[in-house]
């Protein structure tokens, strides 16, 4: 295996991590530190929100999101520089939109999470305790758009762009990506509008940047850095 098919993606991946740290976790910290309670968007598609059942087992696809995103990013990068840099551009644009949305229009799902019943019971089983732990770790803010849904859909877009990707790999990415999106609903971590907004942003900007020069410019920028480090891969 040519290791440079992986090493050239390390710095772009670190950029993704930095953007996630700032836009998501930074806004979580800022909101908590300043006592900001976000707007509850449950009234949008209220009947659908009320219909969605609480399924604690959906914590498992939700919990594997981070390793899924990382492995998908490097797999897309391993197969195609163009596709990886397209995803990177989408990350830069969509994460910035999410960060600004959380900062200026914070949203909250605490009331939605409390309908799970986990906050009033002391006899939680292992899975329910796991959900409660994720609730405590993730917090109820930064709800709209859902970054879990956004990042999972970006992985699916990467699979869609690669026409020669093995079918089994495409199926795995599609199934896990959709499972993570569904889990945001059935573990009551997001309202349906959070999912819709995330997918709309990802899909909309995909069609806007697809084949545009901005992808080439971003690739050239990181290629210069990688060449200095002898990390670049000539596809």
C-alpha atoms as a PDB file:
ATOM      1  CA  UNK A   1       0.000   0.000   0.000  1.00  0.00           C
ATOM      2  CA  UNK A   2       1.247   3.469  -0.896  1.00  0.00           C
ATOM      3  CA  UNK A   3       1.292   5.284   2.475  1.00  0.00           C
ATOM      4  CA  UNK A   4       1.160   8.676   0.762  1.00  0.00           C
ATOM      5  CA  UNK A   5      -2.408   7.916  -0.274  1.00  0.00           C
ATOM      6  CA  UNK A   6      -3.094   8.352   3.456  1.00  0.00           C
ATOM      7  CA  UNK A   7      -0.491  10.877   4.631  1.00  0.00           C
ATOM      8  CA  UNK A   8      -1.612  13.602   2.218  1.00  0.00           C
ATOM      9  CA  UNK A   9      -5.019  13.599   3.950  1.00  0.00           C
ATOM     10  CA  UNK A  10      -3.668  14.031   7.496  1.00  0.00           C
ATOM     11  CA  UNK A  11      -3.464  17.834   7.471  1.00  0.00           C
ATOM     12  CA  UNK A  12      -6.899  18.220   5.810  1.00  0.00           C
ATOM     13  CA  UNK A  13      -8.279  15.854   8.443  1.00  0.00           C
ATOM     14  CA  UNK A  14      -6.735  17.957  11.222  1.00  0.00           C
ATOM     15  CA  UNK A  15      -8.444  20.997   9.683  1.00  0.00           C
ATOM     16  CA  UNK A  16     -11.751  19.124   9.896  1.00  0.00           C
ATOM     17  CA  UNK A  17     -11.066  18.321  13.570  1.00  0.00           C
ATOM     18  CA  UNK A  18     -10.168  21.928  14.324  1.00  0.00           C
ATOM     19  CA  UNK A  19     -13.324  23.221  12.662  1.00  0.00           C
ATOM     20  CA  UNK A  20     -15.410  20.690  14.589  1.00  0.00           C
ATOM     21  CA  UNK A  21     -13.735  21.723  17.843  1.00  0.00           C
ATOM     22  CA  UNK A  22     -14.468  25.400  17.207  1.00  0.00           C
ATOM     23  CA  UNK A  23     -17.921  25.257  15.644  1.00  0.00           C
ATOM     24  CA  UNK A  24     -19.476  22.531  17.791  1.00  0.00           C
ATOM     25  CA  UNK A  25     -17.593  22.207  21.061  1.00  0.00           C
ATOM     26  CA  UNK A  26     -16.659  25.890  21.123  1.00  0.00           C
ATOM     27  CA  UNK A  27     -20.294  26.895  20.867  1.00  0.00           C
ATOM     28  CA  UNK A  28     -21.268  24.326  23.499  1.00  0.00           C
ATOM     29  CA  UNK A  29     -18.765  25.822  25.912  1.00  0.00           C
ATOM     30  CA  UNK A  30     -19.761  29.403  25.084  1.00  0.00           C
ATOM     31  CA  UNK A  31     -23.484  28.719  25.549  1.00  0.00           C
ATOM     32  CA  UNK A  32     -22.985  26.863  28.824  1.00  0.00           C
ATOM     33  CA  UNK A  33     -20.586  29.483  30.181  1.00  0.00           C
ATOM     34  CA  UNK A  34     -23.052  32.269  29.423  1.00  0.00           C
ATOM     35  CA  UNK A  35     -26.209  30.413  30.410  1.00  0.00           C
ATOM     36  CA  UNK A  36     -27.657  30.627  26.909  1.00  0.00           C
ATOM     37  CA  UNK A  37     -30.776  28.508  26.485  1.00  0.00           C
ATOM     38  CA  UNK A  38     -31.556  27.871  22.850  1.00  0.00           C
ATOM     39  CA  UNK A  39     -34.901  27.997  21.084  1.00  0.00           C
ATOM     40  CA  UNK A  40     -36.976  24.811  21.130  1.00  0.00           C
ATOM     41  CA  UNK A  41     -37.983  23.970  17.541  1.00  0.00           C
ATOM     42  CA  UNK A  42     -40.356  21.134  18.416  1.00  0.00           C
ATOM     43  CA  UNK A  43     -43.316  23.064  16.977  1.00  0.00           C
ATOM     44  CA  UNK A  44     -41.917  22.553  13.469  1.00  0.00           C
ATOM     45  CA  UNK A  45     -43.417  19.249  12.261  1.00  0.00           C
ATOM     46  CA  UNK A  46     -44.729  18.777  15.805  1.00  0.00           C
ATOM     47  CA  UNK A  47     -46.878  15.737  14.999  1.00  0.00           C
ATOM     48  CA  UNK A  48     -43.932  13.918  13.483  1.00  0.00           C
ATOM     49  CA  UNK A  49     -41.776  14.727  16.517  1.00  0.00           C
ATOM     50  CA  UNK A  50     -44.490  13.397  18.829  1.00  0.00           C
ATOM     51  CA  UNK A  51     -44.847  10.250  16.721  1.00  0.00           C
ATOM     52  CA  UNK A  52     -41.146   9.293  16.827  1.00  0.00           C
ATOM     53  CA  UNK A  53     -40.611   6.618  19.508  1.00  0.00           C
ATOM     54  CA  UNK A  54     -37.746   6.558  21.977  1.00  0.00           C
ATOM     55  CA  UNK A  55     -35.501   3.582  21.121  1.00  0.00           C
ATOM     56  CA  UNK A  56     -32.527   3.511  23.517  1.00  0.00           C
ATOM     57  CA  UNK A  57     -30.722   0.923  21.382  1.00  0.00           C
ATOM     58  CA  UNK A  58     -30.269   3.564  18.705  1.00  0.00           C
ATOM     59  CA  UNK A  59     -27.460   4.922  20.878  1.00  0.00           C
ATOM     60  CA  UNK A  60     -25.137   2.344  19.308  1.00  0.00           C
ATOM     61  CA  UNK A  61     -25.139   3.697  15.723  1.00  0.00           C
ATOM     62  CA  UNK A  62     -25.087   7.206  17.196  1.00  0.00           C
ATOM     63  CA  UNK A  63     -22.026   6.377  19.294  1.00  0.00           C
ATOM     64  CA  UNK A  64     -19.975   4.984  16.391  1.00  0.00           C
ATOM     65  CA  UNK A  65     -20.388   8.220  14.435  1.00  0.00           C
ATOM     66  CA  UNK A  66     -16.909   9.595  15.146  1.00  0.00           C
ATOM     67  CA  UNK A  67     -14.936   6.507  14.070  1.00  0.00           C
ATOM     68  CA  UNK A  68     -17.294   6.120  11.103  1.00  0.00           C
ATOM     69  CA  UNK A  69     -16.626   9.690   9.957  1.00  0.00           C
ATOM     70  CA  UNK A  70     -12.864   9.343  10.377  1.00  0.00           C
ATOM     71  CA  UNK A  71     -12.600   6.017   8.559  1.00  0.00           C
ATOM     72  CA  UNK A  72     -14.887   7.232   5.767  1.00  0.00           C
ATOM     73  CA  UNK A  73     -12.835  10.405   5.319  1.00  0.00           C
ATOM     74  CA  UNK A  74      -9.567   8.496   4.951  1.00  0.00           C
ATOM     75  CA  UNK A  75     -11.155   5.833   2.759  1.00  0.00           C
ATOM     76  CA  UNK A  76     -12.519   8.514   0.413  1.00  0.00           C
ATOM     77  CA  UNK A  77      -9.094  10.177   0.479  1.00  0.00           C
ATOM     78  CA  UNK A  78      -7.334   6.880  -0.250  1.00  0.00           C
ATOM     79  CA  UNK A  79      -9.402   6.382  -3.355  1.00  0.00           C
ATOM     80  CA  UNK A  80      -9.554   9.929  -4.784  1.00  0.00           C
ATOM     81  CA  UNK A  81      -7.830  13.250  -4.098  1.00  0.00           C
ATOM     82  CA  UNK A  82     -10.508  15.154  -5.983  1.00  0.00           C
ATOM     83  CA  UNK A  83     -13.312  13.627  -3.943  1.00  0.00           C
ATOM     84  CA  UNK A  84     -11.513  14.164  -0.652  1.00  0.00           C
ATOM     85  CA  UNK A  85     -10.866  17.834  -1.414  1.00  0.00           C
ATOM     86  CA  UNK A  86     -14.479  18.263  -2.490  1.00  0.00           C
ATOM     87  CA  UNK A  87     -15.556  16.892   0.887  1.00  0.00           C
ATOM     88  CA  UNK A  88     -13.037  19.165   2.608  1.00  0.00           C
ATOM     89  CA  UNK A  89     -14.482  22.241   0.885  1.00  0.00           C
ATOM     90  CA  UNK A  90     -17.966  21.139   1.908  1.00  0.00           C
ATOM     91  CA  UNK A  91     -16.767  20.700   5.495  1.00  0.00           C
ATOM     92  CA  UNK A  92     -15.270  24.192   5.571  1.00  0.00           C
ATOM     93  CA  UNK A  93     -18.456  25.764   4.211  1.00  0.00           C
ATOM     94  CA  UNK A  94     -21.058  23.751   6.122  1.00  0.00           C
ATOM     95  CA  UNK A  95     -19.206  23.703   9.452  1.00  0.00           C
ATOM     96  CA  UNK A  96     -18.877  27.487   9.248  1.00  0.00           C
ATOM     97  CA  UNK A  97     -22.623  27.780   8.633  1.00  0.00           C
ATOM     98  CA  UNK A  98     -23.333  25.498  11.602  1.00  0.00           C
ATOM     99  CA  UNK A  99     -20.973  27.436  13.845  1.00  0.00           C
ATOM    100  CA  UNK A 100     -22.576  30.763  12.979  1.00  0.00           C
ATOM    101  CA  UNK A 101     -26.044  29.261  13.406  1.00  0.00           C
ATOM    102  CA  UNK A 102     -25.193  27.929  16.875  1.00  0.00           C
ATOM    103  CA  UNK A 103     -23.638  31.245  17.898  1.00  0.00           C
ATOM    104  CA  UNK A 104     -26.396  33.563  16.725  1.00  0.00           C
ATOM    105  CA  UNK A 105     -29.461  31.276  16.713  1.00  0.00           C
ATOM    106  CA  UNK A 106     -28.830  28.669  19.410  1.00  0.00           C
ATOM    107  CA  UNK A 107     -31.375  25.839  19.621  1.00  0.00           C
ATOM    108  CA  UNK A 108     -32.160  23.390  22.402  1.00  0.00           C
ATOM    109  CA  UNK A 109     -33.688  19.894  22.671  1.00  0.00           C
ATOM    110  CA  UNK A 110     -33.729  19.368  26.456  1.00  0.00           C
ATOM    111  CA  UNK A 111     -37.528  19.159  26.587  1.00  0.00           C
ATOM    112  CA  UNK A 112     -37.403  16.537  23.821  1.00  0.00           C
ATOM    113  CA  UNK A 113     -34.794  14.466  25.675  1.00  0.00           C
ATOM    114  CA  UNK A 114     -36.801  14.541  28.893  1.00  0.00           C
ATOM    115  CA  UNK A 115     -39.684  12.717  27.170  1.00  0.00           C
ATOM    116  CA  UNK A 116     -37.373   9.682  27.108  1.00  0.00           C
ATOM    117  CA  UNK A 117     -38.086   9.261  30.832  1.00  0.00           C
ATOM    118  CA  UNK A 118     -34.419   8.759  31.659  1.00  0.00           C
ATOM    119  CA  UNK A 119     -34.187  11.856  33.839  1.00  0.00           C
ATOM    120  CA  UNK A 120     -36.794  10.666  36.355  1.00  0.00           C
ATOM    121  CA  UNK A 121     -35.824   6.990  36.727  1.00  0.00           C
ATOM    122  CA  UNK A 122     -33.187   5.346  38.893  1.00  0.00           C
ATOM    123  CA  UNK A 123     -33.487   1.821  37.465  1.00  0.00           C
ATOM    124  CA  UNK A 124     -31.795   2.394  34.104  1.00  0.00           C
ATOM    125  CA  UNK A 125     -30.277  -0.591  32.319  1.00  0.00           C
ATOM    126  CA  UNK A 126     -26.868  -0.526  30.620  1.00  0.00           C
ATOM    127  CA  UNK A 127     -28.144   0.861  27.304  1.00  0.00           C
ATOM    128  CA  UNK A 128     -30.283   3.519  28.973  1.00  0.00           C
ATOM    129  CA  UNK A 129     -27.351   4.571  31.150  1.00  0.00           C
ATOM    130  CA  UNK A 130     -25.276   4.824  27.978  1.00  0.00           C
ATOM    131  CA  UNK A 131     -27.882   7.152  26.449  1.00  0.00           C
ATOM    132  CA  UNK A 132     -27.888   9.264  29.624  1.00  0.00           C
ATOM    133  CA  UNK A 133     -24.087   9.478  29.483  1.00  0.00           C
ATOM    134  CA  UNK A 134     -24.227  10.713  25.883  1.00  0.00           C
ATOM    135  CA  UNK A 135     -26.925  13.206  26.844  1.00  0.00           C
ATOM    136  CA  UNK A 136     -24.648  14.592  29.550  1.00  0.00           C
ATOM    137  CA  UNK A 137     -21.602  14.662  27.264  1.00  0.00           C
ATOM    138  CA  UNK A 138     -23.243  16.147  24.169  1.00  0.00           C
ATOM    139  CA  UNK A 139     -25.573  18.585  25.874  1.00  0.00           C
ATOM    140  CA  UNK A 140     -28.952  19.713  24.515  1.00  0.00           C
ATOM    141  CA  UNK A 141     -27.657  22.681  22.509  1.00  0.00           C
ATOM    142  CA  UNK A 142     -26.296  22.970  18.942  1.00  0.00           C
ATOM    143  CA  UNK A 143     -29.395  21.177  17.743  1.00  0.00           C
ATOM    144  CA  UNK A 144     -30.115  22.805  14.389  1.00  0.00           C
ATOM    145  CA  UNK A 145     -28.526  21.863  12.032  1.00  0.00           C
ATOM    146  CA  UNK A 146     -27.574  18.412  13.323  1.00  0.00           C
ATOM    147  CA  UNK A 147     -23.854  17.916  12.788  1.00  0.00           C
ATOM    148  CA  UNK A 148     -24.279  14.165  13.250  1.00  0.00           C
ATOM    149  CA  UNK A 149     -26.603  14.163  10.241  1.00  0.00           C
ATOM    150  CA  UNK A 150     -24.485  16.655   8.301  1.00  0.00           C
ATOM    151  CA  UNK A 151     -21.234  14.728   8.673  1.00  0.00           C
ATOM    152  CA  UNK A 152     -22.885  11.386   7.971  1.00  0.00           C
ATOM    153  CA  UNK A 153     -24.405  12.789   4.777  1.00  0.00           C
ATOM    154  CA  UNK A 154     -21.013  14.148   3.702  1.00  0.00           C
ATOM    155  CA  UNK A 155     -19.679  10.588   3.972  1.00  0.00           C
ATOM    156  CA  UNK A 156     -22.553   9.401   1.787  1.00  0.00           C
ATOM    157  CA  UNK A 157     -21.749  12.150  -0.722  1.00  0.00           C
ATOM    158  CA  UNK A 158     -18.171  10.886  -0.823  1.00  0.00           C
ATOM    159  CA  UNK A 159     -19.451   7.415  -1.662  1.00  0.00           C
ATOM    160  CA  UNK A 160     -21.784   8.822  -4.308  1.00  0.00           C
ATOM    161  CA  UNK A 161     -18.966  10.707  -6.045  1.00  0.00           C
ATOM    162  CA  UNK A 162     -16.810   7.584  -6.332  1.00  0.00           C
ATOM    163  CA  UNK A 163     -18.386   5.650  -9.207  1.00  0.00           C
ATOM    164  CA  UNK A 164     -15.799   2.866  -8.909  1.00  0.00           C
ATOM    165  CA  UNK A 165     -16.040   2.346  -5.153  1.00  0.00           C
ATOM    166  CA  UNK A 166     -16.650  -1.333  -4.314  1.00  0.00           C
ATOM    167  CA  UNK A 167     -20.343  -2.003  -3.848  1.00  0.00           C
ATOM    168  CA  UNK A 168     -19.909  -3.448  -0.360  1.00  0.00           C
ATOM    169  CA  UNK A 169     -18.084  -0.290   0.785  1.00  0.00           C
ATOM    170  CA  UNK A 170     -20.843   1.907  -0.632  1.00  0.00           C
ATOM    171  CA  UNK A 171     -23.498  -0.156   1.101  1.00  0.00           C
ATOM    172  CA  UNK A 172     -21.672   0.063   4.444  1.00  0.00           C
ATOM    173  CA  UNK A 173     -21.319   3.856   4.176  1.00  0.00           C
ATOM    174  CA  UNK A 174     -24.926   4.325   3.111  1.00  0.00           C
ATOM    175  CA  UNK A 175     -26.323   2.020   5.819  1.00  0.00           C
ATOM    176  CA  UNK A 176     -24.237   3.439   8.654  1.00  0.00           C
ATOM    177  CA  UNK A 177     -24.750   7.033   7.504  1.00  0.00           C
ATOM    178  CA  UNK A 178     -28.532   6.635   7.386  1.00  0.00           C
ATOM    179  CA  UNK A 179     -28.554   4.674  10.675  1.00  0.00           C
ATOM    180  CA  UNK A 180     -26.757   7.551  12.406  1.00  0.00           C
ATOM    181  CA  UNK A 181     -29.240  10.063  10.976  1.00  0.00           C
ATOM    182  CA  UNK A 182     -32.192   7.962  12.138  1.00  0.00           C
ATOM    183  CA  UNK A 183     -30.636   7.496  15.577  1.00  0.00           C
ATOM    184  CA  UNK A 184     -30.625  11.260  16.149  1.00  0.00           C
ATOM    185  CA  UNK A 185     -34.423  11.024  16.099  1.00  0.00           C
ATOM    186  CA  UNK A 186     -35.071   7.785  17.972  1.00  0.00           C
ATOM    187  CA  UNK A 187     -32.722   8.606  20.850  1.00  0.00           C
ATOM    188  CA  UNK A 188     -34.380  12.049  21.044  1.00  0.00           C
ATOM    189  CA  UNK A 189     -31.214  14.045  20.466  1.00  0.00           C
ATOM    190  CA  UNK A 190     -32.627  16.053  17.547  1.00  0.00           C
ATOM    191  CA  UNK A 191     -35.911  17.160  16.037  1.00  0.00           C
ATOM    192  CA  UNK A 192     -36.710  16.277  12.436  1.00  0.00           C
ATOM    193  CA  UNK A 193     -36.084  19.875  11.327  1.00  0.00           C
ATOM    194  CA  UNK A 194     -32.482  19.504  12.545  1.00  0.00           C
ATOM    195  CA  UNK A 195     -32.039  16.515  10.244  1.00  0.00           C
ATOM    196  CA  UNK A 196     -33.740  18.187   7.281  1.00  0.00           C
ATOM    197  CA  UNK A 197     -31.663  21.358   7.640  1.00  0.00           C
ATOM    198  CA  UNK A 198     -28.409  19.400   7.858  1.00  0.00           C
ATOM    199  CA  UNK A 199     -29.144  17.319   4.758  1.00  0.00           C
ATOM    200  CA  UNK A 200     -30.329  20.365   2.828  1.00  0.00           C
ATOM    201  CA  UNK A 201     -27.115  22.255   3.608  1.00  0.00           C
ATOM    202  CA  UNK A 202     -24.900  19.297   2.696  1.00  0.00           C
ATOM    203  CA  UNK A 203     -26.758  18.453  -0.501  1.00  0.00           C
ATOM    204  CA  UNK A 204     -27.261  22.046  -1.577  1.00  0.00           C
ATOM    205  CA  UNK A 205     -23.637  23.075  -1.249  1.00  0.00           C
ATOM    206  CA  UNK A 206     -22.502  19.815  -2.850  1.00  0.00           C
ATOM    207  CA  UNK A 207     -24.250  20.825  -6.068  1.00  0.00           C
ATOM    208  CA  UNK A 208     -22.935  24.383  -5.751  1.00  0.00           C
ATOM    209  CA  UNK A 209     -19.247  23.442  -5.362  1.00  0.00           C
ATOM    210  CA  UNK A 210     -19.199  20.294  -7.507  1.00  0.00           C
ATOM    211  CA  UNK A 211     -16.689  20.818 -10.304  1.00  0.00           C
ATOM    212  CA  UNK A 212     -15.956  24.404  -9.255  1.00  0.00           C
ATOM    213  CA  UNK A 213     -12.507  25.998  -9.092  1.00  0.00           C
ATOM    214  CA  UNK A 214     -12.689  26.427  -5.327  1.00  0.00           C
ATOM    215  CA  UNK A 215     -11.944  22.711  -4.980  1.00  0.00           C
ATOM    216  CA  UNK A 216      -8.876  23.071  -7.205  1.00  0.00           C
ATOM    217  CA  UNK A 217      -7.639  26.072  -5.202  1.00  0.00           C
ATOM    218  CA  UNK A 218      -8.018  24.226  -1.892  1.00  0.00           C
ATOM    219  CA  UNK A 219      -6.247  21.181  -3.323  1.00  0.00           C
ATOM    220  CA  UNK A 220      -3.363  23.326  -4.574  1.00  0.00           C
ATOM    221  CA  UNK A 221      -3.002  24.983  -1.168  1.00  0.00           C
ATOM    222  CA  UNK A 222      -2.716  21.709   0.743  1.00  0.00           C
ATOM    223  CA  UNK A 223      -0.610  20.090  -1.974  1.00  0.00           C
ATOM    224  CA  UNK A 224       2.069  22.752  -1.479  1.00  0.00           C
ATOM    225  CA  UNK A 225       2.192  21.953   2.233  1.00  0.00           C
ATOM    226  CA  UNK A 226       2.242  18.194   1.668  1.00  0.00           C
ATOM    227  CA  UNK A 227       5.024  18.423  -0.885  1.00  0.00           C
ATOM    228  CA  UNK A 228       7.219  20.274   1.598  1.00  0.00           C
ATOM    229  CA  UNK A 229       6.604  17.451   4.060  1.00  0.00           C
ATOM    230  CA  UNK A 230       7.012  14.784   1.370  1.00  0.00           C
ATOM    231  CA  UNK A 231       3.484  13.583   2.191  1.00  0.00           C
ATOM    232  CA  UNK A 232       1.821  14.250  -1.146  1.00  0.00           C
ATOM    233  CA  UNK A 233       0.314  11.560  -3.324  1.00  0.00           C
ATOM    234  CA  UNK A 234       0.376  11.997  -7.103  1.00  0.00           C
ATOM    235  CA  UNK A 235      -2.894  10.415  -8.139  1.00  0.00           C
END
